[in-house]
N, C-alpha and C. Protein backbone atom coordinates (compact mmCIF):
# COMPACT_ATOMS: atom_id res chain seq x y z
N MET A 1 113.94 96.55 -61.37
CA MET A 1 113.51 95.68 -62.44
C MET A 1 112.21 96.25 -63.02
N SER A 2 112.15 96.33 -64.34
CA SER A 2 110.98 96.90 -64.99
C SER A 2 109.82 95.90 -64.99
N ALA A 3 108.64 96.41 -65.31
CA ALA A 3 107.45 95.55 -65.36
C ALA A 3 107.58 94.50 -66.45
N LEU A 4 108.22 94.87 -67.58
CA LEU A 4 108.41 93.91 -68.66
C LEU A 4 109.33 92.77 -68.23
N GLU A 5 110.37 93.09 -67.47
CA GLU A 5 111.27 92.05 -66.97
C GLU A 5 110.55 91.11 -66.00
N TRP A 6 109.69 91.67 -65.15
CA TRP A 6 108.92 90.82 -64.23
C TRP A 6 107.99 89.89 -65.00
N VAL A 7 107.31 90.42 -65.99
CA VAL A 7 106.39 89.59 -66.79
C VAL A 7 107.16 88.50 -67.52
N SER A 8 108.33 88.86 -68.05
CA SER A 8 109.16 87.88 -68.75
C SER A 8 109.62 86.77 -67.80
N ARG A 9 110.09 87.15 -66.62
CA ARG A 9 110.55 86.14 -65.65
C ARG A 9 109.41 85.26 -65.18
N LEU A 10 108.26 85.87 -64.90
CA LEU A 10 107.10 85.08 -64.44
C LEU A 10 106.63 84.12 -65.52
N THR A 11 106.59 84.57 -66.76
CA THR A 11 106.13 83.72 -67.86
C THR A 11 107.09 82.56 -68.07
N ARG A 12 108.39 82.84 -68.10
CA ARG A 12 109.36 81.76 -68.31
C ARG A 12 109.35 80.76 -67.15
N ALA A 13 109.19 81.25 -65.93
CA ALA A 13 109.12 80.35 -64.78
C ALA A 13 107.86 79.50 -64.84
N ALA A 14 106.75 80.08 -65.27
CA ALA A 14 105.50 79.32 -65.38
C ALA A 14 105.61 78.22 -66.44
N VAL A 15 106.26 78.53 -67.56
CA VAL A 15 106.44 77.51 -68.61
C VAL A 15 107.33 76.38 -68.09
N PHE A 16 108.42 76.73 -67.42
CA PHE A 16 109.32 75.72 -66.86
C PHE A 16 108.57 74.83 -65.88
N ALA A 17 107.82 75.44 -64.96
CA ALA A 17 107.08 74.66 -63.96
C ALA A 17 106.04 73.77 -64.62
N ALA A 18 105.34 74.30 -65.61
CA ALA A 18 104.31 73.50 -66.28
C ALA A 18 104.91 72.29 -66.98
N VAL A 19 106.00 72.49 -67.70
CA VAL A 19 106.63 71.37 -68.41
C VAL A 19 107.14 70.33 -67.43
N CYS A 20 107.84 70.76 -66.40
CA CYS A 20 108.39 69.81 -65.42
C CYS A 20 107.29 69.04 -64.70
N VAL A 21 106.27 69.74 -64.25
CA VAL A 21 105.21 69.08 -63.48
C VAL A 21 104.38 68.14 -64.37
N VAL A 22 104.04 68.58 -65.56
CA VAL A 22 103.24 67.73 -66.45
C VAL A 22 104.01 66.46 -66.82
N MET A 23 105.30 66.62 -67.16
CA MET A 23 106.11 65.45 -67.52
C MET A 23 106.25 64.49 -66.33
N SER A 24 106.56 65.02 -65.17
CA SER A 24 106.76 64.17 -64.00
C SER A 24 105.46 63.53 -63.54
N MET A 25 104.40 64.32 -63.48
CA MET A 25 103.11 63.79 -63.04
C MET A 25 102.58 62.76 -64.03
N GLY A 26 102.70 63.06 -65.32
CA GLY A 26 102.24 62.11 -66.33
C GLY A 26 102.95 60.78 -66.24
N GLY A 27 104.27 60.83 -66.10
CA GLY A 27 105.03 59.58 -65.95
C GLY A 27 104.69 58.86 -64.67
N HIS A 28 104.50 59.60 -63.59
CA HIS A 28 104.17 58.98 -62.30
C HIS A 28 102.81 58.30 -62.36
N VAL A 29 101.82 58.98 -62.93
CA VAL A 29 100.47 58.40 -62.99
C VAL A 29 100.45 57.21 -63.93
N LEU A 30 101.11 57.30 -65.08
CA LEU A 30 101.12 56.17 -66.03
C LEU A 30 101.87 54.97 -65.47
N ALA A 31 102.97 55.22 -64.77
CA ALA A 31 103.78 54.11 -64.29
C ALA A 31 103.24 53.48 -63.02
N SER A 32 102.80 54.30 -62.06
CA SER A 32 102.38 53.74 -60.79
C SER A 32 100.89 53.45 -60.74
N GLY A 33 100.11 54.12 -61.56
CA GLY A 33 98.68 53.90 -61.55
C GLY A 33 97.96 54.62 -60.42
N THR A 34 98.67 55.38 -59.62
CA THR A 34 98.04 56.12 -58.53
C THR A 34 97.96 57.60 -58.92
N PRO A 35 96.83 58.22 -58.68
CA PRO A 35 96.70 59.64 -59.04
C PRO A 35 97.47 60.53 -58.06
N VAL A 36 97.77 61.72 -58.53
CA VAL A 36 98.42 62.72 -57.70
C VAL A 36 97.33 63.64 -57.17
N THR A 37 97.35 63.89 -55.87
CA THR A 37 96.32 64.74 -55.27
C THR A 37 96.53 66.19 -55.71
N ALA A 38 95.46 66.96 -55.66
CA ALA A 38 95.53 68.37 -56.06
C ALA A 38 96.48 69.16 -55.17
N ARG A 39 96.48 68.85 -53.89
CA ARG A 39 97.36 69.56 -52.96
C ARG A 39 98.83 69.28 -53.29
N THR A 40 99.15 68.02 -53.56
CA THR A 40 100.52 67.66 -53.92
C THR A 40 100.90 68.31 -55.24
N LEU A 41 99.98 68.35 -56.17
CA LEU A 41 100.24 68.97 -57.46
C LEU A 41 100.54 70.46 -57.30
N LEU A 42 99.77 71.14 -56.46
CA LEU A 42 100.02 72.56 -56.22
C LEU A 42 101.37 72.80 -55.54
N VAL A 43 101.74 71.94 -54.61
CA VAL A 43 103.04 72.06 -53.96
C VAL A 43 104.16 71.85 -54.99
N GLY A 44 103.98 70.87 -55.88
CA GLY A 44 104.97 70.62 -56.93
C GLY A 44 105.10 71.78 -57.89
N VAL A 45 103.99 72.35 -58.30
CA VAL A 45 104.01 73.51 -59.20
C VAL A 45 104.72 74.68 -58.52
N ALA A 46 104.39 74.92 -57.25
CA ALA A 46 105.00 76.03 -56.53
C ALA A 46 106.51 75.82 -56.38
N ALA A 47 106.94 74.60 -56.09
CA ALA A 47 108.37 74.33 -55.93
C ALA A 47 109.11 74.50 -57.26
N ALA A 48 108.57 73.96 -58.34
CA ALA A 48 109.21 74.09 -59.65
C ALA A 48 109.22 75.55 -60.10
N PHE A 49 108.14 76.27 -59.84
CA PHE A 49 108.06 77.68 -60.19
C PHE A 49 109.10 78.50 -59.42
N ALA A 50 109.23 78.23 -58.12
CA ALA A 50 110.21 78.95 -57.30
C ALA A 50 111.63 78.68 -57.79
N LEU A 51 111.93 77.43 -58.13
CA LEU A 51 113.26 77.09 -58.65
C LEU A 51 113.53 77.84 -59.95
N ALA A 52 112.57 77.81 -60.85
CA ALA A 52 112.76 78.48 -62.14
C ALA A 52 112.86 79.99 -61.98
N PHE A 53 112.05 80.57 -61.12
CA PHE A 53 112.07 82.02 -60.94
C PHE A 53 113.40 82.47 -60.34
N ALA A 54 113.95 81.66 -59.45
CA ALA A 54 115.24 82.00 -58.84
C ALA A 54 116.38 81.93 -59.85
N LEU A 55 116.26 81.04 -60.83
CA LEU A 55 117.35 80.84 -61.78
C LEU A 55 117.26 81.68 -63.05
N ASN A 56 116.10 82.23 -63.36
CA ASN A 56 115.96 82.85 -64.69
C ASN A 56 116.14 84.36 -64.71
N ARG A 57 117.02 84.87 -63.88
CA ARG A 57 117.29 86.31 -63.88
C ARG A 57 117.91 86.73 -65.21
N HIS A 58 118.75 85.88 -65.78
CA HIS A 58 119.35 86.16 -67.08
C HIS A 58 119.45 84.85 -67.86
N GLU A 59 119.91 84.94 -69.09
CA GLU A 59 119.95 83.77 -69.97
C GLU A 59 120.91 82.72 -69.42
N ARG A 60 120.47 81.48 -69.43
CA ARG A 60 121.29 80.36 -68.95
C ARG A 60 121.67 79.46 -70.12
N GLY A 61 122.77 78.75 -69.95
CA GLY A 61 123.23 77.80 -70.96
C GLY A 61 122.49 76.48 -70.85
N PRO A 62 122.75 75.56 -71.77
CA PRO A 62 122.04 74.28 -71.75
C PRO A 62 122.34 73.46 -70.49
N GLU A 63 123.57 73.57 -69.98
CA GLU A 63 123.91 72.79 -68.79
C GLU A 63 123.05 73.20 -67.59
N ALA A 64 122.91 74.50 -67.40
CA ALA A 64 122.13 74.99 -66.25
C ALA A 64 120.66 74.62 -66.38
N VAL A 65 120.13 74.73 -67.59
CA VAL A 65 118.70 74.41 -67.77
C VAL A 65 118.46 72.92 -67.59
N ILE A 66 119.33 72.09 -68.13
CA ILE A 66 119.15 70.64 -68.00
C ILE A 66 119.35 70.21 -66.55
N LEU A 67 120.33 70.79 -65.85
CA LEU A 67 120.52 70.46 -64.43
C LEU A 67 119.32 70.90 -63.59
N ALA A 68 118.78 72.08 -63.89
CA ALA A 68 117.59 72.54 -63.16
C ALA A 68 116.40 71.63 -63.44
N THR A 69 116.27 71.19 -64.68
CA THR A 69 115.17 70.28 -65.02
C THR A 69 115.35 68.93 -64.33
N ALA A 70 116.58 68.43 -64.28
CA ALA A 70 116.84 67.17 -63.59
C ALA A 70 116.56 67.32 -62.09
N GLY A 71 116.98 68.44 -61.51
CA GLY A 71 116.68 68.68 -60.10
C GLY A 71 115.19 68.75 -59.83
N ALA A 72 114.47 69.42 -60.72
CA ALA A 72 113.01 69.50 -60.56
C ALA A 72 112.38 68.12 -60.71
N GLN A 73 112.88 67.31 -61.64
CA GLN A 73 112.34 65.95 -61.81
C GLN A 73 112.55 65.11 -60.55
N ILE A 74 113.74 65.20 -59.96
CA ILE A 74 114.02 64.44 -58.74
C ILE A 74 113.12 64.92 -57.61
N LEU A 75 113.03 66.24 -57.46
CA LEU A 75 112.19 66.82 -56.40
C LEU A 75 110.72 66.39 -56.58
N LEU A 76 110.23 66.49 -57.80
CA LEU A 76 108.82 66.14 -58.06
C LEU A 76 108.58 64.63 -57.89
N HIS A 77 109.53 63.81 -58.31
CA HIS A 77 109.39 62.37 -58.13
C HIS A 77 109.28 62.02 -56.65
N GLU A 78 110.18 62.60 -55.86
CA GLU A 78 110.14 62.33 -54.42
C GLU A 78 108.84 62.83 -53.81
N LEU A 79 108.40 64.00 -54.23
CA LEU A 79 107.16 64.56 -53.70
C LEU A 79 105.96 63.67 -54.06
N PHE A 80 105.87 63.25 -55.31
CA PHE A 80 104.74 62.42 -55.74
C PHE A 80 104.79 61.03 -55.11
N THR A 81 105.99 60.49 -54.93
CA THR A 81 106.13 59.16 -54.33
C THR A 81 105.75 59.19 -52.84
N ARG A 82 106.24 60.18 -52.13
CA ARG A 82 105.98 60.26 -50.68
C ARG A 82 104.55 60.65 -50.35
N SER A 83 103.87 61.30 -51.29
CA SER A 83 102.49 61.69 -51.01
C SER A 83 101.47 60.71 -51.59
N ALA A 84 101.93 59.55 -52.04
CA ALA A 84 101.02 58.55 -52.59
C ALA A 84 100.07 58.07 -51.49
N PRO A 85 98.83 57.74 -51.84
CA PRO A 85 97.86 57.30 -50.84
C PRO A 85 98.33 56.06 -50.08
N ILE A 86 99.00 55.15 -50.77
CA ILE A 86 99.52 53.94 -50.13
C ILE A 86 101.01 54.17 -49.92
N PRO A 87 101.49 54.09 -48.69
CA PRO A 87 102.92 54.33 -48.47
C PRO A 87 103.77 53.32 -49.23
N VAL A 88 104.73 53.83 -49.98
CA VAL A 88 105.61 52.99 -50.78
C VAL A 88 107.04 53.30 -50.37
N THR A 89 107.80 52.27 -50.08
CA THR A 89 109.20 52.49 -49.73
C THR A 89 110.04 52.41 -51.00
N HIS A 90 111.25 52.94 -50.92
CA HIS A 90 112.12 52.94 -52.09
C HIS A 90 112.59 51.53 -52.45
N ALA A 91 112.64 50.63 -51.52
CA ALA A 91 113.11 49.28 -51.81
C ALA A 91 112.15 48.55 -52.73
N ASP A 92 110.85 48.69 -52.50
CA ASP A 92 109.90 47.97 -53.35
C ASP A 92 109.19 48.89 -54.33
N HIS A 93 109.65 50.14 -54.45
CA HIS A 93 109.02 51.09 -55.37
C HIS A 93 109.51 50.81 -56.79
N ALA A 94 108.57 50.62 -57.68
CA ALA A 94 108.92 50.39 -59.08
C ALA A 94 107.87 51.02 -59.96
N HIS A 95 108.30 51.56 -61.07
CA HIS A 95 107.39 52.14 -62.04
C HIS A 95 107.19 51.13 -63.16
N ALA A 96 105.97 50.67 -63.33
CA ALA A 96 105.60 49.75 -64.41
C ALA A 96 106.55 48.56 -64.48
N GLY A 97 106.90 48.02 -63.34
CA GLY A 97 107.77 46.86 -63.32
C GLY A 97 109.24 47.19 -63.42
N MET A 98 109.59 48.46 -63.53
CA MET A 98 111.00 48.84 -63.62
C MET A 98 111.56 48.97 -62.21
N PRO A 99 112.68 48.36 -61.95
CA PRO A 99 113.31 48.55 -60.65
C PRO A 99 113.83 49.96 -60.51
N GLY A 100 114.36 50.29 -59.35
CA GLY A 100 114.80 51.64 -59.04
C GLY A 100 115.76 52.23 -60.06
N ILE A 101 116.72 51.44 -60.58
CA ILE A 101 117.70 52.00 -61.53
C ILE A 101 117.02 52.32 -62.86
N GLY A 102 116.09 51.50 -63.30
CA GLY A 102 115.37 51.77 -64.55
C GLY A 102 114.51 53.01 -64.44
N MET A 103 113.91 53.17 -63.26
CA MET A 103 113.09 54.35 -63.02
C MET A 103 113.97 55.60 -63.01
N SER A 104 115.15 55.52 -62.43
CA SER A 104 116.06 56.66 -62.41
C SER A 104 116.52 57.03 -63.81
N VAL A 105 116.78 56.03 -64.63
CA VAL A 105 117.18 56.28 -66.02
C VAL A 105 116.03 56.94 -66.78
N ALA A 106 114.80 56.47 -66.55
CA ALA A 106 113.64 57.06 -67.22
C ALA A 106 113.48 58.53 -66.82
N HIS A 107 113.64 58.83 -65.53
CA HIS A 107 113.55 60.23 -65.08
C HIS A 107 114.69 61.07 -65.68
N LEU A 108 115.87 60.49 -65.78
CA LEU A 108 117.01 61.21 -66.35
C LEU A 108 116.78 61.51 -67.83
N VAL A 109 116.28 60.53 -68.57
CA VAL A 109 116.00 60.74 -70.00
C VAL A 109 114.94 61.83 -70.18
N VAL A 110 113.89 61.77 -69.39
CA VAL A 110 112.84 62.79 -69.47
C VAL A 110 113.41 64.16 -69.11
N ALA A 111 114.27 64.20 -68.10
CA ALA A 111 114.87 65.48 -67.68
C ALA A 111 115.75 66.05 -68.78
N VAL A 112 116.55 65.21 -69.43
CA VAL A 112 117.45 65.71 -70.48
C VAL A 112 116.65 66.17 -71.70
N VAL A 113 115.66 65.39 -72.11
CA VAL A 113 114.87 65.77 -73.29
C VAL A 113 114.07 67.04 -73.02
N SER A 114 113.37 67.10 -71.91
CA SER A 114 112.58 68.30 -71.63
C SER A 114 113.49 69.48 -71.30
N GLY A 115 114.64 69.25 -70.69
CA GLY A 115 115.59 70.33 -70.42
C GLY A 115 116.15 70.91 -71.71
N TRP A 116 116.48 70.05 -72.66
CA TRP A 116 116.97 70.54 -73.95
C TRP A 116 115.88 71.33 -74.67
N TRP A 117 114.65 70.83 -74.63
CA TRP A 117 113.53 71.52 -75.25
C TRP A 117 113.32 72.89 -74.59
N LEU A 118 113.37 72.93 -73.28
CA LEU A 118 113.23 74.20 -72.56
C LEU A 118 114.38 75.15 -72.87
N TYR A 119 115.59 74.62 -72.97
CA TYR A 119 116.74 75.47 -73.31
C TYR A 119 116.57 76.09 -74.69
N ARG A 120 116.13 75.30 -75.66
CA ARG A 120 115.94 75.84 -77.02
C ARG A 120 114.86 76.92 -77.02
N GLY A 121 113.80 76.70 -76.27
CA GLY A 121 112.76 77.72 -76.17
C GLY A 121 113.27 78.97 -75.48
N GLU A 122 114.05 78.77 -74.42
CA GLU A 122 114.63 79.90 -73.68
C GLU A 122 115.58 80.71 -74.57
N SER A 123 116.41 80.02 -75.35
CA SER A 123 117.34 80.76 -76.22
C SER A 123 116.57 81.49 -77.33
N ALA A 124 115.47 80.92 -77.80
CA ALA A 124 114.65 81.61 -78.80
C ALA A 124 114.01 82.86 -78.21
N VAL A 125 113.54 82.78 -76.98
CA VAL A 125 112.95 83.96 -76.32
C VAL A 125 114.01 85.05 -76.16
N TRP A 126 115.20 84.68 -75.70
CA TRP A 126 116.25 85.68 -75.52
C TRP A 126 116.68 86.28 -76.85
N LEU A 127 116.74 85.47 -77.90
CA LEU A 127 117.08 86.00 -79.23
C LEU A 127 116.02 87.01 -79.69
N MET A 128 114.75 86.68 -79.50
CA MET A 128 113.69 87.62 -79.88
C MET A 128 113.79 88.91 -79.08
N LEU A 129 114.10 88.82 -77.79
CA LEU A 129 114.24 90.02 -76.97
C LEU A 129 115.42 90.87 -77.43
N ARG A 130 116.53 90.21 -77.80
CA ARG A 130 117.68 90.97 -78.29
C ARG A 130 117.36 91.64 -79.62
N LEU A 131 116.69 90.92 -80.51
CA LEU A 131 116.33 91.50 -81.80
C LEU A 131 115.31 92.63 -81.63
N TRP A 132 114.42 92.48 -80.69
CA TRP A 132 113.41 93.50 -80.45
C TRP A 132 114.07 94.78 -79.95
N GLY A 133 115.12 94.65 -79.16
CA GLY A 133 115.81 95.80 -78.61
C GLY A 133 116.75 96.48 -79.58
N MET A 134 117.08 95.83 -80.70
CA MET A 134 117.99 96.41 -81.68
C MET A 134 117.30 97.50 -82.48
N ALA A 135 118.13 98.40 -83.02
CA ALA A 135 117.60 99.39 -83.96
C ALA A 135 117.17 98.64 -85.22
N PRO A 136 116.18 99.14 -85.91
CA PRO A 136 115.72 98.44 -87.11
C PRO A 136 116.84 98.29 -88.13
N LEU A 137 116.86 97.16 -88.77
CA LEU A 137 117.86 96.93 -89.80
C LEU A 137 117.60 97.88 -90.96
N PRO A 138 118.65 98.35 -91.62
CA PRO A 138 118.46 99.33 -92.69
C PRO A 138 117.55 98.84 -93.81
N LYS A 139 117.71 97.60 -94.24
CA LYS A 139 116.87 97.11 -95.34
C LYS A 139 115.41 96.99 -94.91
N LEU A 140 115.20 96.53 -93.69
CA LEU A 140 113.83 96.44 -93.19
C LEU A 140 113.21 97.83 -93.07
N ARG A 141 114.00 98.76 -92.63
CA ARG A 141 113.50 100.14 -92.51
C ARG A 141 113.14 100.69 -93.88
N ARG A 142 114.02 100.46 -94.87
CA ARG A 142 113.72 100.92 -96.22
C ARG A 142 112.47 100.26 -96.77
N LEU A 143 112.32 98.98 -96.45
CA LEU A 143 111.15 98.26 -96.91
C LEU A 143 109.88 98.85 -96.31
N LEU A 144 109.91 99.08 -95.00
CA LEU A 144 108.73 99.62 -94.33
C LEU A 144 108.46 101.06 -94.74
N VAL A 145 109.50 101.88 -94.82
CA VAL A 145 109.33 103.28 -95.19
C VAL A 145 108.94 103.38 -96.67
N GLY A 146 109.53 102.54 -97.49
CA GLY A 146 109.21 102.55 -98.91
C GLY A 146 107.77 102.17 -99.17
N ALA A 147 107.20 101.33 -98.35
CA ALA A 147 105.81 100.94 -98.53
C ALA A 147 104.86 102.07 -98.18
N VAL A 148 105.30 102.99 -97.31
CA VAL A 148 104.45 104.10 -96.89
C VAL A 148 104.57 105.27 -97.85
N GLU A 149 105.79 105.56 -98.33
CA GLU A 149 106.00 106.69 -99.21
C GLU A 149 105.45 106.39 -100.61
N PRO A 150 104.85 107.38 -101.25
CA PRO A 150 104.36 107.16 -102.62
C PRO A 150 105.52 107.07 -103.59
N PHE A 151 105.28 106.42 -104.71
CA PHE A 151 106.32 106.26 -105.74
C PHE A 151 106.56 107.60 -106.41
N THR A 152 107.82 107.95 -106.57
CA THR A 152 108.18 109.18 -107.28
C THR A 152 109.02 108.82 -108.48
N THR A 153 108.94 109.63 -109.51
CA THR A 153 109.75 109.39 -110.69
C THR A 153 111.19 109.73 -110.41
N PRO A 154 112.12 109.08 -111.09
CA PRO A 154 113.52 109.38 -110.88
C PRO A 154 113.85 110.82 -111.27
N ILE A 155 114.82 111.40 -110.58
CA ILE A 155 115.19 112.79 -110.83
C ILE A 155 115.96 112.92 -112.14
N GLY A 156 116.95 112.10 -112.34
CA GLY A 156 117.75 112.19 -113.56
C GLY A 156 117.16 111.33 -114.67
N VAL A 157 117.03 111.89 -115.86
CA VAL A 157 116.49 111.16 -116.99
C VAL A 157 117.63 110.84 -117.93
N VAL A 158 117.71 109.60 -118.37
CA VAL A 158 118.74 109.18 -119.30
C VAL A 158 118.10 109.04 -120.68
N LEU A 159 118.67 109.71 -121.63
CA LEU A 159 118.16 109.61 -122.99
C LEU A 159 118.55 108.28 -123.59
N ILE A 160 117.74 107.78 -124.51
CA ILE A 160 118.01 106.48 -125.13
C ILE A 160 119.31 106.52 -125.90
N ALA A 161 119.63 107.63 -126.53
CA ALA A 161 120.86 107.73 -127.30
C ALA A 161 122.09 107.63 -126.40
N GLU A 162 121.98 108.06 -125.13
CA GLU A 162 123.11 108.02 -124.21
C GLU A 162 123.26 106.66 -123.54
N ALA A 163 122.22 105.86 -123.54
CA ALA A 163 122.26 104.56 -122.86
C ALA A 163 123.13 103.59 -123.64
N LYS A 164 123.96 102.85 -122.93
CA LYS A 164 124.83 101.86 -123.57
C LYS A 164 124.47 100.49 -123.02
N THR A 165 124.45 99.51 -123.87
CA THR A 165 124.16 98.15 -123.42
C THR A 165 125.46 97.53 -122.91
N TYR A 166 125.32 96.64 -121.99
CA TYR A 166 126.48 95.97 -121.40
C TYR A 166 126.83 94.77 -122.26
N ARG A 167 128.07 94.70 -122.69
CA ARG A 167 128.53 93.59 -123.52
C ARG A 167 129.75 92.94 -122.89
N GLY A 168 129.72 92.68 -121.59
CA GLY A 168 130.85 92.06 -120.92
C GLY A 168 130.91 90.57 -121.24
N PRO A 169 131.99 89.90 -120.81
CA PRO A 169 132.14 88.46 -121.13
C PRO A 169 131.05 87.59 -120.51
N GLU A 170 130.53 87.97 -119.35
CA GLU A 170 129.48 87.16 -118.74
C GLU A 170 128.23 87.15 -119.60
N ARG A 171 127.89 88.29 -120.15
CA ARG A 171 126.68 88.40 -120.95
C ARG A 171 126.86 87.64 -122.27
N VAL A 172 128.00 87.74 -122.88
CA VAL A 172 128.24 87.05 -124.15
C VAL A 172 128.15 85.54 -123.94
N GLN A 173 128.74 85.01 -122.87
CA GLN A 173 128.69 83.57 -122.62
C GLN A 173 127.27 83.12 -122.32
N ALA A 174 126.53 83.94 -121.59
CA ALA A 174 125.16 83.58 -121.26
C ALA A 174 124.31 83.49 -122.52
N ILE A 175 124.54 84.39 -123.45
CA ILE A 175 123.75 84.37 -124.67
C ILE A 175 124.14 83.18 -125.52
N CYS A 176 125.42 82.87 -125.61
CA CYS A 176 125.89 81.76 -126.43
C CYS A 176 125.46 80.40 -125.87
N ARG A 177 125.21 80.29 -124.61
CA ARG A 177 124.92 79.00 -124.00
C ARG A 177 123.43 78.75 -123.82
N ARG A 178 122.60 79.53 -124.39
CA ARG A 178 121.16 79.31 -124.25
C ARG A 178 120.76 78.09 -125.06
N GLY A 179 119.72 77.41 -124.58
CA GLY A 179 119.20 76.25 -125.30
C GLY A 179 119.66 74.96 -124.66
N PRO A 180 119.22 73.83 -125.20
CA PRO A 180 119.59 72.54 -124.61
C PRO A 180 121.07 72.24 -124.84
N PRO A 181 121.63 71.37 -124.00
CA PRO A 181 123.04 71.01 -124.20
C PRO A 181 123.24 70.34 -125.56
N ALA A 182 124.45 70.47 -126.07
CA ALA A 182 124.75 69.97 -127.43
C ALA A 182 124.58 68.45 -127.51
N LEU A 183 124.85 67.71 -126.44
CA LEU A 183 124.78 66.25 -126.49
C LEU A 183 123.35 65.73 -126.51
N LEU A 184 122.40 66.51 -126.11
CA LEU A 184 121.03 66.04 -126.01
C LEU A 184 120.14 66.58 -127.13
N ASN A 185 120.72 66.93 -128.27
CA ASN A 185 119.94 67.44 -129.39
C ASN A 185 118.98 66.36 -129.86
N ALA A 186 117.81 66.79 -130.29
CA ALA A 186 116.81 65.84 -130.80
C ALA A 186 117.29 65.26 -132.13
N ARG A 187 117.04 64.00 -132.39
CA ARG A 187 117.49 63.34 -133.63
C ARG A 187 116.40 63.30 -134.62
């Protein structure tokens, strides 16, 4: 694996971990009112990073990214809940008055939205990498090369007497139809 591939994998895994941890931690802190300790946060970042790094060897589809995001959300929720300063059991655990099923739906919605967002970003990165690896497009190459080369006069010169004007049907109709429509003439 080249150095560029390692940097790409590390960067994409870091973005995945950051999005998952920030979303999960933000929801946990807002809903439960208890802060997440730095040690727990580091464990969560490391776990999400390891999951993303293991999965991002090549481009993944939306299903894989959303499932990985949902798995990370579940893992982070359990980690943040179990490491809370006050022990909370699942029977009486509720986020902002939401019972367990409401909390699960909230985590699922966050996982799907952030997973879709991550998938779109991932597909954009892969598209840029594919385009970067392509040979330059001919028009773009002409544009770039043309900007560097100085302007030269054309080789063949056409005399005015030899030049013929185009009088095809398209040109005749275009000339005849100039001006405002007949129905809207000024009175």
